[in-house]
Amino acid sequence: MVPQKQWFDSSTGDPEQVKRLCLEWKTNPQVAEILLRRGYKTREEIKSFLMPNLSNLRDPYELRQMREAVNLLQDAIVNNRRIVILGDYDVDGITATALMLEFLQKCGNLNLDFFIPNRIKHGYGLTEASTDILLEMNPELVITVDNGITAAREVKRLNDEGIKTIVTDHHLADVSLLPSGIVVNPNHPECNYPFKKISGCGVALKLIMALRKSLRNSGWWTAERTEPNLRDSLDLAALGTVADVMPLVDENRILTHHGLLVMNEKPRLAIQVLQQLKKVNTITSRTLGFQFAPLLNAAGRLEDADMAVKFLLSNDLQEAETMAKKLDATNFERREKEGEMLETALALAETQKHFPALILTSPEFHEGINGIVATRLVERFYKPVLVLSEREEKLKGSGRSIPELHLKDALSGCSDLLERFGGHAAAAGCSLIPENLDAFRKRFFAFCREHIPESIEPSLKLDGSLEFPKLTDLFVEQLDRLQPFGEGNPEPLFSMETPELPFSLIKDKHVKWQLNGNVEIIGWNRAEMYAENPPSKLAVNLAFNEFRGRRKIQLTIQDSRV
């Protein structure tokens, strides 16, 4: 059963500050309160938030070993050395690979290739199996994107074969597994880069920003080989940042804001095809996270992610449309498998419901879908979850966590029982042999008991309450100025009384209240729930819904109270 969330109305801003912001920015008091609550108080802070400027991106050379990486890569370009990019099968790794490939091709480097490991055959990132493939590709330089920070052994093997390496990554480092040589990662223990939450694609972008300037200074760009406009690459950076659930603040906000502008003003062919396929007019961060990213992710979850890279870089309409349909079909298959796996996982979870976490194993679990199922279970049980596939006498899978537990730290505390592990605070992966499962469970649960408070419950922070008669287009337009929304800058959430008139059904699954010709409330997959327990209050997001040239205010239900 999903724990009921506690609602907290956090709209208690200082009246004088709210009044000042309303006058300075000609904005609604509720919007002014949201800005203050999210830490934007001075005129300069608010200006940089509401009007993200590319000039506020930090100097790439603030990243440790950036200069060494640029020098080595520039030498490889000038001397036409064979370069192979090693990516990752998630959207951050796919976009980082596409970004790097596209730029190096524009540099005139044709001795170029890429490889994205298959999740099941090769594992994540630079593994022993993926190193075998790389050696067969005969590179002189290997560049990792969105992976490599724990591949000390594999980097040494490449170096011993005379292959130079540049590791670009953003994942948390393990000091005992740090690779030697050139490593560009804001989370390297010796890196002083002030913004640690940049995506893997963002790190790749920083490298090509520095490289482009260095090539300019050396006279590399000519009338025949024109200097690329990196603004055209910001769509990929935005997609990777949003898909990897990076906080949309600081540099991530700048990259995502401008990447969305590029997608809406001058979309590349792949984005145009996705817009047609998904019937999207205006692309927002929500479009990237819930419509575009799942299609690209599906390739790496069930098949090979290189098709997603080729799709993003395609210049042939027929080819792009064919690949988009294949990606869409793969994503449909993923949803089917996810439903089957969730049923199995829920049955297994019943046997562990009294434990502080869930560690579920089954030969029916597909490695590519473990993380999604773990996310669904965290939403349902509000506790850390690991979903592990049983395959070839190994357990391998993904986990998701709650804010009260740092998942990578928990796995690190069990490192001697694991073959591999890595990730972030909220999401991580690991592998182990079945013989270690009982000891791993025992120690992981002990870590959870030590670090998770005994009495916790999920909470929902509200940005105030809404009264239907006061809903105007102007208010929604002012809320829209706070976009892009996502991790670190969530969509504003408001409480409101449930309308007295009855709701109608959409496809027997969803509910809808039509308040007047201009305002509607939608509750996705809530028909069965509300038939049994009609809600008294709703927690909703607001946005415009444009359909066939007509614009409505749409309130989307995120939670409700009985």
Protein backbone atom coordinates (compact mmCIF):
# COMPACT_ATOMS: atom_id res chain seq x y z
CA MET A 1 0.00 0.00 0.00
CA VAL A 2 1.29 3.47 -0.88
CA PRO A 3 2.00 5.44 2.34
CA GLN A 4 -0.13 8.58 2.55
CA LYS A 5 2.03 11.66 2.16
CA GLN A 6 2.00 14.41 4.73
CA TRP A 7 1.21 17.75 3.12
CA PHE A 8 3.14 20.82 4.19
CA ASP A 9 2.20 24.27 2.96
CA SER A 10 5.51 26.11 2.76
CA SER A 11 4.08 29.40 1.47
CA THR A 12 5.10 31.55 4.42
CA GLY A 13 7.39 34.14 2.83
CA ASP A 14 8.33 37.43 4.46
CA PRO A 15 5.49 39.82 3.43
CA GLU A 16 7.89 42.73 2.88
CA GLN A 17 10.22 40.70 0.66
CA VAL A 18 7.26 39.29 -1.27
CA LYS A 19 5.91 42.82 -1.80
CA ARG A 20 9.35 44.02 -3.00
CA LEU A 21 9.64 41.21 -5.54
CA CYS A 22 6.11 41.76 -6.80
CA LEU A 23 6.95 45.40 -7.53
CA GLU A 24 10.43 44.74 -9.00
CA TRP A 25 9.38 41.86 -11.26
CA LYS A 26 5.68 42.69 -11.75
CA THR A 27 4.76 39.21 -10.60
CA ASN A 28 2.06 37.40 -8.62
CA PRO A 29 2.68 37.10 -4.82
CA GLN A 30 2.61 33.29 -5.01
CA VAL A 31 5.27 33.31 -7.73
CA ALA A 32 7.35 35.76 -5.67
CA GLU A 33 7.09 33.41 -2.67
CA ILE A 34 8.29 30.47 -4.76
CA LEU A 35 11.38 32.42 -5.88
CA LEU A 36 12.21 33.38 -2.29
CA ARG A 37 11.69 29.85 -1.00
CA ARG A 38 14.02 28.43 -3.64
CA GLY A 39 16.79 30.76 -2.51
CA TYR A 40 16.52 33.56 -5.09
CA LYS A 41 16.35 36.81 -3.13
CA THR A 42 18.61 39.47 -4.61
CA ARG A 43 17.95 41.14 -7.95
CA GLU A 44 21.07 39.51 -9.42
CA GLU A 45 20.07 36.01 -8.21
CA ILE A 46 16.56 36.37 -9.61
CA LYS A 47 17.81 37.78 -12.91
CA SER A 48 20.26 34.90 -13.42
CA PHE A 49 17.46 32.43 -12.58
CA LEU A 50 14.72 33.94 -14.75
CA MET A 51 17.07 34.84 -17.61
CA PRO A 52 19.75 32.10 -17.77
CA ASN A 53 22.73 33.39 -19.74
CA LEU A 54 25.33 31.26 -21.53
CA SER A 55 28.00 33.76 -20.47
CA ASN A 56 27.51 32.48 -16.89
CA LEU A 57 28.86 29.02 -17.76
CA ARG A 58 32.13 28.39 -15.94
CA ASP A 59 35.50 28.15 -17.66
CA PRO A 60 36.00 24.47 -18.65
CA TYR A 61 39.63 24.74 -17.53
CA GLU A 62 38.42 24.90 -13.92
CA LEU A 63 37.93 21.13 -14.30
CA ARG A 64 40.93 19.10 -13.20
CA GLN A 65 43.18 17.89 -16.07
CA MET A 66 41.12 19.67 -18.73
CA ARG A 67 44.25 21.18 -20.28
CA GLU A 68 45.93 17.76 -20.54
CA ALA A 69 42.77 16.30 -22.11
CA VAL A 70 42.56 19.12 -24.68
CA ASN A 71 46.25 18.82 -25.61
CA LEU A 72 46.01 15.05 -26.13
CA LEU A 73 42.76 15.24 -28.09
CA GLN A 74 43.98 18.13 -30.24
CA ASP A 75 47.13 16.17 -31.10
CA ALA A 76 44.96 13.20 -32.13
CA ILE A 77 42.79 15.42 -34.37
CA VAL A 78 45.68 17.24 -36.04
CA ASN A 79 47.51 13.97 -36.72
CA ASN A 80 44.33 12.09 -37.71
CA ARG A 81 44.89 9.40 -35.09
CA ARG A 82 42.21 6.75 -34.63
CA ILE A 83 39.80 7.81 -31.87
CA VAL A 84 37.14 5.55 -30.32
CA ILE A 85 34.49 6.96 -27.97
CA LEU A 86 33.20 4.60 -25.28
CA GLY A 87 29.72 5.63 -24.16
CA ASP A 88 27.02 4.37 -21.83
CA TYR A 89 23.64 2.86 -22.68
CA ASP A 90 21.50 5.41 -20.83
CA VAL A 91 20.35 8.73 -22.33
CA ASP A 92 23.13 10.71 -20.66
CA GLY A 93 25.74 8.39 -22.18
CA ILE A 94 23.94 8.26 -25.55
CA THR A 95 23.75 12.05 -25.85
CA ALA A 96 27.36 12.46 -24.65
CA THR A 97 28.51 9.99 -27.32
CA ALA A 98 26.50 11.77 -30.03
CA LEU A 99 27.81 15.17 -28.88
CA MET A 100 31.44 14.06 -29.00
CA LEU A 101 31.06 12.24 -32.33
CA GLU A 102 29.31 15.18 -33.98
CA PHE A 103 31.97 17.67 -32.89
CA LEU A 104 34.95 15.49 -33.83
CA GLN A 105 33.42 14.87 -37.27
CA LYS A 106 33.14 18.64 -37.75
CA CYS A 107 36.82 18.90 -36.79
CA GLY A 108 37.58 16.89 -39.93
CA ASN A 109 38.49 13.70 -38.07
CA LEU A 110 37.29 10.74 -40.14
CA ASN A 111 39.35 8.08 -38.35
CA LEU A 112 36.64 7.87 -35.74
CA ASP A 113 34.33 5.29 -34.21
CA PHE A 114 32.26 4.66 -31.09
CA PHE A 115 31.18 1.74 -28.96
CA ILE A 116 28.39 1.50 -26.42
CA PRO A 117 28.47 -1.70 -24.37
CA ASN A 118 25.46 -3.98 -24.34
CA ARG A 119 24.02 -4.00 -20.83
CA ILE A 120 23.82 -7.79 -20.65
CA LYS A 121 26.82 -8.88 -22.75
CA HIS A 122 29.39 -6.33 -21.57
CA GLY A 123 28.01 -4.62 -18.44
CA TYR A 124 28.18 -0.93 -17.62
CA GLY A 125 30.98 1.23 -18.98
CA LEU A 126 34.61 0.22 -19.27
CA THR A 127 34.58 -3.44 -18.18
CA GLU A 128 36.84 -6.32 -19.07
CA ALA A 129 34.38 -7.40 -21.80
CA SER A 130 34.10 -3.90 -23.31
CA THR A 131 37.89 -3.52 -23.18
CA ASP A 132 38.16 -6.69 -25.30
CA ILE A 133 35.94 -5.02 -27.93
CA LEU A 134 37.91 -1.76 -27.79
CA LEU A 135 41.19 -3.59 -28.41
CA GLU A 136 39.68 -5.20 -31.52
CA MET A 137 38.80 -1.69 -32.80
CA ASN A 138 42.50 -0.69 -32.81
CA PRO A 139 42.20 2.83 -31.35
CA GLU A 140 45.13 5.11 -30.66
CA LEU A 141 43.00 7.13 -28.24
CA VAL A 142 39.93 6.05 -26.22
CA ILE A 143 37.64 8.71 -24.75
CA THR A 144 35.06 7.54 -22.21
CA VAL A 145 31.91 9.61 -21.75
CA ASP A 146 29.61 9.20 -18.72
CA ASN A 147 31.69 6.28 -17.41
CA GLY A 148 35.18 5.15 -16.44
CA ILE A 149 35.74 6.67 -13.00
CA THR A 150 36.06 3.21 -11.38
CA ALA A 151 37.84 1.46 -14.28
CA ALA A 152 41.41 1.51 -12.91
CA ARG A 153 42.22 -2.01 -14.10
CA GLU A 154 40.73 -1.56 -17.58
CA VAL A 155 42.45 1.82 -18.19
CA LYS A 156 45.77 0.25 -17.20
CA ARG A 157 45.15 -2.60 -19.64
CA LEU A 158 44.52 -0.13 -22.49
CA ASN A 159 47.58 1.93 -21.55
CA ASP A 160 49.73 -1.22 -21.40
CA GLU A 161 48.68 -1.91 -25.01
CA GLY A 162 49.94 1.55 -26.02
CA ILE A 163 46.47 3.12 -26.19
CA LYS A 164 46.08 6.58 -24.66
CA THR A 165 42.94 7.34 -22.66
CA ILE A 166 40.83 10.31 -21.59
CA VAL A 167 38.20 9.46 -18.98
CA THR A 168 35.27 11.91 -18.82
CA ASP A 169 32.64 11.10 -16.22
CA HIS A 170 30.50 12.63 -13.50
CA HIS A 171 29.82 9.67 -11.23
CA LEU A 172 31.08 9.52 -7.67
CA ALA A 173 34.62 8.22 -7.33
CA ASP A 174 35.95 5.32 -5.29
CA VAL A 175 39.52 6.19 -4.30
CA SER A 176 40.66 2.56 -4.52
CA LEU A 177 39.39 2.25 -8.12
CA LEU A 178 40.48 5.61 -9.60
CA PRO A 179 42.05 5.18 -13.03
CA SER A 180 45.47 6.65 -13.75
CA GLY A 181 46.13 9.12 -16.54
CA ILE A 182 43.80 11.91 -17.66
CA VAL A 183 40.49 11.96 -15.77
CA VAL A 184 38.02 14.85 -16.20
CA ASN A 185 35.30 14.52 -13.57
CA PRO A 186 33.96 17.22 -11.21
CA ASN A 187 33.55 14.48 -8.59
CA HIS A 188 37.20 13.36 -8.71
CA PRO A 189 38.51 13.81 -5.13
CA GLU A 190 41.22 16.19 -6.40
CA CYS A 191 38.89 18.29 -8.58
CA ASN A 192 37.91 21.70 -7.21
CA TYR A 193 35.22 22.44 -9.78
CA PRO A 194 32.52 24.23 -7.76
CA PHE A 195 29.45 22.66 -9.42
CA LYS A 196 29.51 18.91 -8.83
CA LYS A 197 26.08 18.05 -10.25
CA ILE A 198 26.81 18.42 -13.96
CA SER A 199 25.75 15.50 -16.20
CA GLY A 200 28.06 13.18 -18.13
CA CYS A 201 26.94 14.92 -21.32
CA GLY A 202 27.67 18.26 -19.62
CA VAL A 203 31.26 17.16 -18.91
CA ALA A 204 31.65 16.09 -22.56
CA LEU A 205 30.33 19.51 -23.63
CA LYS A 206 32.89 21.23 -21.39
CA LEU A 207 35.66 19.26 -23.10
CA ILE A 208 34.59 20.27 -26.60
CA MET A 209 34.12 23.90 -25.47
CA ALA A 210 37.76 23.99 -24.37
CA LEU A 211 38.92 22.04 -27.43
CA ARG A 212 37.10 24.31 -29.89
CA LYS A 213 38.82 27.38 -28.42
CA SER A 214 42.23 25.70 -28.43
CA LEU A 215 41.79 24.71 -32.09
CA ARG A 216 40.73 28.29 -32.90
CA ASN A 217 43.90 29.63 -31.27
CA SER A 218 46.01 27.21 -33.35
CA GLY A 219 44.37 28.32 -36.63
CA TRP A 220 42.62 25.00 -37.24
CA TRP A 221 39.33 26.46 -38.43
CA THR A 222 39.29 27.59 -42.07
CA ALA A 223 36.76 28.62 -44.74
CA GLU A 224 36.46 24.92 -45.72
CA ARG A 225 36.51 23.61 -42.14
CA THR A 226 34.31 26.12 -40.34
CA GLU A 227 34.20 26.47 -36.59
CA PRO A 228 31.08 24.74 -35.20
CA ASN A 229 28.47 26.75 -33.31
CA LEU A 230 28.20 24.86 -30.02
CA ARG A 231 24.76 26.35 -29.37
CA ASP A 232 23.51 23.75 -31.86
CA SER A 233 24.76 21.02 -29.49
CA LEU A 234 22.91 22.30 -26.43
CA ASP A 235 19.84 20.23 -27.33
CA LEU A 236 21.86 17.07 -26.61
CA ALA A 237 23.19 18.52 -23.34
CA ALA A 238 19.65 19.42 -22.24
CA LEU A 239 18.34 15.96 -23.09
CA GLY A 240 21.16 14.21 -21.21
CA THR A 241 20.83 16.50 -18.18
CA VAL A 242 17.06 16.08 -17.80
CA ALA A 243 17.09 12.33 -18.52
CA ASP A 244 19.79 11.73 -15.89
CA VAL A 245 17.68 13.62 -13.32
CA MET A 246 20.38 16.19 -12.65
CA PRO A 247 19.25 19.19 -10.55
CA LEU A 248 18.11 21.97 -12.90
CA VAL A 249 20.00 24.71 -11.12
CA ASP A 250 23.24 26.60 -11.80
CA GLU A 251 24.92 25.45 -15.05
CA ASN A 252 22.35 22.70 -15.63
CA ARG A 253 19.58 25.30 -15.74
CA ILE A 254 21.52 27.37 -18.28
CA LEU A 255 22.24 24.37 -20.53
CA THR A 256 18.69 23.04 -20.32
CA HIS A 257 17.07 26.45 -20.87
CA HIS A 258 19.10 27.13 -24.02
CA GLY A 259 18.91 23.52 -25.21
CA LEU A 260 15.12 23.73 -25.11
CA LEU A 261 15.26 26.99 -27.08
CA VAL A 262 17.34 25.23 -29.74
CA MET A 263 14.87 22.33 -29.89
CA ASN A 264 11.90 24.66 -30.33
CA GLU A 265 13.54 27.16 -32.69
CA LYS A 266 15.87 25.03 -34.83
CA PRO A 267 15.34 21.35 -34.03
CA ARG A 268 17.65 18.72 -35.51
CA LEU A 269 16.00 16.10 -37.70
CA ALA A 270 15.74 13.51 -34.90
CA ILE A 271 13.91 15.97 -32.65
CA GLN A 272 11.52 16.90 -35.49
CA VAL A 273 10.75 13.22 -36.00
CA LEU A 274 10.12 12.71 -32.25
CA GLN A 275 7.82 15.74 -32.22
CA GLN A 276 5.77 14.24 -35.05
CA LEU A 277 5.72 10.79 -33.47
CA LYS A 278 4.64 12.04 -30.05
CA LYS A 279 2.42 14.87 -31.39
CA VAL A 280 4.34 17.50 -29.41
CA ASN A 281 4.02 21.21 -30.18
CA THR A 282 6.18 22.96 -27.58
CA ILE A 283 9.06 20.95 -26.12
CA THR A 284 9.59 21.37 -22.36
CA SER A 285 11.73 19.57 -19.80
CA ARG A 286 8.69 17.36 -19.10
CA THR A 287 8.66 16.38 -22.81
CA LEU A 288 12.31 15.35 -22.55
CA GLY A 289 11.88 13.40 -19.32
CA PHE A 290 8.61 11.61 -20.05
CA GLN A 291 8.35 11.34 -23.84
CA PHE A 292 11.72 11.56 -25.58
CA ALA A 293 14.07 10.01 -22.99
CA PRO A 294 12.09 6.75 -22.50
CA LEU A 295 12.32 6.01 -26.24
CA LEU A 296 16.08 6.53 -26.32
CA ASN A 297 16.53 4.62 -23.07
CA ALA A 298 14.56 1.66 -24.40
CA ALA A 299 17.30 0.90 -26.93
CA GLY A 300 19.86 0.43 -24.17
CA ARG A 301 17.44 -1.40 -21.89
CA LEU A 302 16.35 -4.15 -24.28
CA GLU A 303 18.68 -4.01 -27.30
CA ASP A 304 21.75 -1.96 -28.30
CA ALA A 305 22.02 1.76 -27.63
CA ASP A 306 24.09 2.53 -30.73
CA MET A 307 20.85 2.84 -32.73
CA ALA A 308 19.84 5.74 -30.47
CA VAL A 309 23.18 7.48 -31.18
CA LYS A 310 22.76 6.99 -34.94
CA PHE A 311 19.17 8.26 -34.69
CA LEU A 312 20.23 11.49 -32.95
CA LEU A 313 22.86 12.15 -35.63
CA SER A 314 20.78 11.08 -38.65
CA ASN A 315 20.37 13.48 -41.58
CA ASP A 316 18.12 11.16 -43.59
CA LEU A 317 14.38 11.58 -42.95
CA GLN A 318 13.35 8.08 -43.99
CA GLU A 319 16.13 6.51 -41.92
CA ALA A 320 15.27 8.67 -38.87
CA GLU A 321 11.55 7.85 -39.08
CA THR A 322 12.29 4.12 -39.35
CA MET A 323 14.59 4.22 -36.32
CA ALA A 324 12.10 6.31 -34.29
CA LYS A 325 9.36 3.74 -34.94
CA LYS A 326 11.71 0.94 -33.88
CA LEU A 327 12.61 2.86 -30.70
CA ASP A 328 8.91 3.45 -29.98
CA ALA A 329 8.11 -0.24 -30.46
CA THR A 330 11.01 -1.19 -28.18
CA ASN A 331 9.71 1.21 -25.54
CA PHE A 332 6.24 -0.39 -25.80
CA GLU A 333 7.86 -3.80 -25.26
CA ARG A 334 9.71 -2.35 -22.27
CA ARG A 335 6.42 -1.19 -20.72
CA GLU A 336 4.92 -4.67 -21.17
CA LYS A 337 7.90 -6.33 -19.49
CA GLU A 338 7.85 -3.71 -16.74
CA GLY A 339 4.23 -4.59 -15.89
CA GLU A 340 5.06 -8.32 -15.69
CA MET A 341 8.15 -7.70 -13.56
CA LEU A 342 6.29 -5.38 -11.21
CA GLU A 343 3.75 -8.13 -10.42
CA THR A 344 6.57 -10.55 -9.55
CA ALA A 345 8.39 -7.88 -7.53
CA LEU A 346 5.28 -6.98 -5.52
CA ALA A 347 4.75 -10.62 -4.58
CA LEU A 348 8.39 -10.91 -3.43
CA ALA A 349 8.16 -7.59 -1.57
CA GLU A 350 5.39 -9.01 0.63
CA THR A 351 7.95 -11.39 2.17
CA GLN A 352 10.23 -8.47 3.09
CA LYS A 353 7.70 -5.80 4.10
CA HIS A 354 8.96 -5.70 7.70
CA PHE A 355 12.58 -5.02 6.66
CA PRO A 356 14.03 -1.49 6.33
CA ALA A 357 14.74 -2.08 2.60
CA LEU A 358 13.81 -4.45 -0.20
CA ILE A 359 16.40 -6.65 -1.93
CA LEU A 360 14.51 -8.68 -4.53
CA THR A 361 15.99 -11.35 -6.80
CA SER A 362 14.47 -13.39 -9.62
CA PRO A 363 15.55 -15.02 -12.91
CA GLU A 364 12.47 -13.30 -14.42
CA PHE A 365 13.93 -9.82 -13.83
CA HIS A 366 15.38 -8.15 -16.94
CA GLU A 367 18.52 -6.14 -16.21
CA GLY A 368 17.41 -3.30 -18.44
CA ILE A 369 14.18 -2.77 -16.48
CA ASN A 370 15.36 -3.37 -12.91
CA GLY A 371 15.89 0.33 -12.23
CA ILE A 372 12.40 1.31 -13.39
CA VAL A 373 10.78 -1.39 -11.23
CA ALA A 374 12.90 -0.27 -8.27
CA THR A 375 11.58 3.27 -8.79
CA ARG A 376 7.97 2.03 -8.76
CA LEU A 377 8.59 0.09 -5.53
CA VAL A 378 10.21 3.08 -3.79
CA GLU A 379 7.10 5.13 -4.67
CA ARG A 380 4.90 2.40 -3.23
CA PHE A 381 6.78 1.42 -0.07
CA TYR A 382 8.97 4.48 0.63
CA LYS A 383 12.11 2.49 1.43
CA PRO A 384 15.37 1.72 -0.46
CA VAL A 385 14.97 -0.99 -3.10
CA LEU A 386 17.43 -3.20 -5.00
CA VAL A 387 16.10 -5.33 -7.87
CA LEU A 388 18.60 -7.99 -8.98
CA SER A 389 18.47 -10.35 -11.97
CA GLU A 390 19.65 -13.93 -11.50
CA ARG A 391 21.75 -14.85 -14.54
CA GLU A 392 24.69 -17.22 -15.10
CA GLU A 393 25.29 -17.70 -11.37
CA LYS A 394 25.43 -13.96 -10.77
CA LEU A 395 23.10 -11.38 -9.30
CA LYS A 396 23.15 -8.05 -11.06
CA GLY A 397 20.82 -5.09 -10.99
CA SER A 398 19.85 -1.59 -9.98
CA GLY A 399 18.62 0.21 -6.90
CA ARG A 400 16.74 3.37 -6.02
CA SER A 401 16.60 5.10 -2.68
CA ILE A 402 14.77 7.64 -0.53
CA PRO A 403 16.26 11.00 0.57
CA GLU A 404 17.08 9.58 4.01
CA LEU A 405 19.61 7.03 2.64
CA HIS A 406 22.65 7.58 0.37
CA LEU A 407 22.51 4.43 -1.76
CA LYS A 408 26.09 4.46 -3.05
CA ASP A 409 27.40 4.88 0.53
CA ALA A 410 25.26 1.93 1.61
CA LEU A 411 26.73 -0.23 -1.17
CA SER A 412 30.22 1.02 -0.36
CA GLY A 413 29.72 -0.29 3.19
CA CYS A 414 29.18 -3.74 1.65
CA SER A 415 31.92 -3.48 -1.00
CA ASP A 416 33.80 -6.62 0.08
CA LEU A 417 30.64 -8.66 -0.67
CA LEU A 418 30.14 -7.12 -4.13
CA GLU A 419 31.91 -7.70 -7.44
CA ARG A 420 31.11 -4.20 -8.76
CA PHE A 421 29.03 -1.25 -7.67
CA GLY A 422 28.63 2.43 -8.51
CA GLY A 423 26.20 5.29 -8.88
CA HIS A 424 24.77 8.22 -6.93
CA ALA A 425 22.90 8.92 -3.71
CA ALA A 426 19.48 8.15 -5.17
CA ALA A 427 20.33 5.55 -7.83
CA ALA A 428 23.05 2.91 -8.07
CA GLY A 429 23.85 -0.53 -9.41
CA CYS A 430 25.76 -3.57 -8.20
CA SER A 431 26.62 -7.21 -8.92
CA LEU A 432 27.50 -10.10 -6.61
CA ILE A 433 27.60 -13.88 -6.46
CA PRO A 434 24.55 -15.67 -4.96
CA GLU A 435 26.66 -17.11 -2.13
CA ASN A 436 27.10 -13.56 -0.75
CA LEU A 437 23.42 -12.62 -0.92
CA ASP A 438 22.45 -13.46 2.67
CA ALA A 439 25.49 -11.66 4.13
CA PHE A 440 24.88 -8.70 1.82
CA ARG A 441 21.21 -8.48 2.83
CA LYS A 442 22.10 -8.61 6.51
CA ARG A 443 24.75 -5.87 6.27
CA PHE A 444 22.71 -3.65 3.92
CA PHE A 445 19.68 -3.84 6.23
CA ALA A 446 21.92 -3.02 9.23
CA PHE A 447 23.25 0.04 7.37
CA CYS A 448 19.66 1.11 6.64
CA ARG A 449 18.60 0.71 10.28
CA GLU A 450 21.57 2.80 11.37
CA HIS A 451 21.00 5.65 8.91
CA ILE A 452 17.22 5.81 8.35
CA PRO A 453 15.16 7.29 11.20
CA GLU A 454 12.75 4.81 12.80
CA SER A 455 9.70 6.93 12.07
CA ILE A 456 9.68 8.43 8.59
CA GLU A 457 6.90 9.21 6.18
CA PRO A 458 6.93 10.74 2.72
CA SER A 459 6.10 14.41 2.60
CA LEU A 460 4.72 16.72 -0.04
CA LYS A 461 5.69 20.39 0.01
CA LEU A 462 3.02 22.68 -1.35
CA ASP A 463 3.56 26.15 -2.78
CA GLY A 464 0.22 27.43 -1.54
CA SER A 465 -3.46 26.91 -2.25
CA LEU A 466 -5.55 27.77 -5.30
CA GLU A 467 -9.03 29.10 -5.64
CA PHE A 468 -10.61 28.27 -8.96
CA PRO A 469 -12.11 31.76 -9.64
CA LYS A 470 -8.63 33.33 -9.31
CA LEU A 471 -7.02 31.10 -11.95
CA THR A 472 -5.94 33.25 -14.88
CA ASP A 473 -3.77 32.87 -17.96
CA LEU A 474 -1.47 35.56 -16.57
CA PHE A 475 -0.81 33.53 -13.40
CA VAL A 476 0.12 30.42 -15.42
CA GLU A 477 2.31 32.51 -17.74
CA GLN A 478 4.20 33.84 -14.69
CA LEU A 479 4.66 30.31 -13.34
CA ASP A 480 5.99 29.32 -16.77
CA ARG A 481 8.84 31.80 -16.32
CA LEU A 482 10.22 29.45 -13.64
CA GLN A 483 10.80 26.69 -16.23
CA PRO A 484 12.61 24.44 -16.98
CA PHE A 485 11.23 22.27 -14.19
CA GLY A 486 12.78 19.08 -12.90
CA GLU A 487 15.01 17.80 -10.13
CA GLY A 488 16.14 20.74 -7.96
CA ASN A 489 13.49 23.04 -9.46
CA PRO A 490 10.22 21.11 -9.20
CA GLU A 491 6.98 22.22 -10.80
CA PRO A 492 5.06 24.38 -8.31
CA LEU A 493 2.44 22.35 -6.48
CA PHE A 494 -0.78 23.77 -5.07
CA SER A 495 -3.66 22.41 -3.00
CA MET A 496 -7.28 22.98 -3.93
CA GLU A 497 -10.72 21.79 -2.90
CA THR A 498 -12.15 19.00 -5.06
CA PRO A 499 -14.83 20.39 -7.37
CA GLU A 500 -18.39 19.64 -6.29
CA LEU A 501 -19.47 18.57 -9.78
CA PRO A 502 -18.82 14.91 -10.72
CA PHE A 503 -15.80 13.93 -12.79
CA SER A 504 -15.99 12.25 -16.18
CA LEU A 505 -13.92 9.25 -17.29
CA ILE A 506 -11.28 9.11 -20.03
CA LYS A 507 -10.73 5.59 -21.42
CA ASP A 508 -12.19 4.19 -18.15
CA LYS A 509 -8.80 4.82 -16.44
CA HIS A 510 -8.40 8.58 -16.05
CA VAL A 511 -10.60 11.25 -14.48
CA LYS A 512 -11.41 14.73 -15.69
CA TRP A 513 -13.22 17.76 -14.28
CA GLN A 514 -14.17 20.45 -16.79
CA LEU A 515 -14.44 23.59 -14.65
CA ASN A 516 -15.33 25.85 -17.57
CA GLY A 517 -14.34 26.19 -21.20
CA ASN A 518 -10.81 27.23 -20.24
CA VAL A 519 -9.86 25.22 -17.13
CA GLU A 520 -9.74 21.43 -16.66
CA ILE A 521 -8.41 19.04 -14.03
CA ILE A 522 -6.88 15.72 -15.13
CA GLY A 523 -6.07 12.73 -12.89
CA TRP A 524 -4.13 10.05 -14.75
CA ASN A 525 -4.87 6.43 -13.71
CA ARG A 526 -7.08 7.53 -10.81
CA ALA A 527 -10.53 6.34 -11.93
CA GLU A 528 -10.58 3.15 -9.83
CA MET A 529 -9.12 4.90 -6.78
CA TYR A 530 -11.62 7.79 -6.87
CA ALA A 531 -14.61 5.52 -7.51
CA GLU A 532 -13.92 3.85 -4.15
CA ASN A 533 -12.66 6.91 -2.21
CA PRO A 534 -13.58 10.29 -3.70
CA PRO A 535 -10.96 12.87 -2.71
CA SER A 536 -11.75 15.97 -0.66
CA LYS A 537 -8.56 17.84 -1.63
CA LEU A 538 -6.23 17.74 -4.60
CA ALA A 539 -2.54 18.63 -5.03
CA VAL A 540 -2.04 19.91 -8.58
CA ASN A 541 0.50 21.31 -11.04
CA LEU A 542 -0.56 23.97 -13.56
CA ALA A 543 0.32 24.31 -17.21
CA PHE A 544 -1.13 25.28 -20.53
CA ASN A 545 -2.44 22.50 -22.74
CA GLU A 546 -2.50 23.49 -26.41
CA PHE A 547 -4.53 21.36 -28.78
CA ARG A 548 -5.58 22.25 -32.32
CA GLY A 549 -4.70 25.87 -31.80
CA ARG A 550 -6.72 26.23 -28.60
CA ARG A 551 -5.06 26.89 -25.24
CA LYS A 552 -6.49 25.68 -21.92
CA ILE A 553 -5.26 25.82 -18.34
CA GLN A 554 -4.72 22.21 -17.30
CA LEU A 555 -4.36 21.19 -13.65
CA THR A 556 -2.72 17.76 -13.27
CA ILE A 557 -3.32 15.85 -10.04
CA GLN A 558 -0.15 14.70 -8.27
CA ASP A 559 -1.72 13.62 -4.97
CA SER A 560 -5.04 13.74 -3.15
CA ARG A 561 -6.53 13.57 0.36
CA VAL A 562 -9.58 11.64 1.41
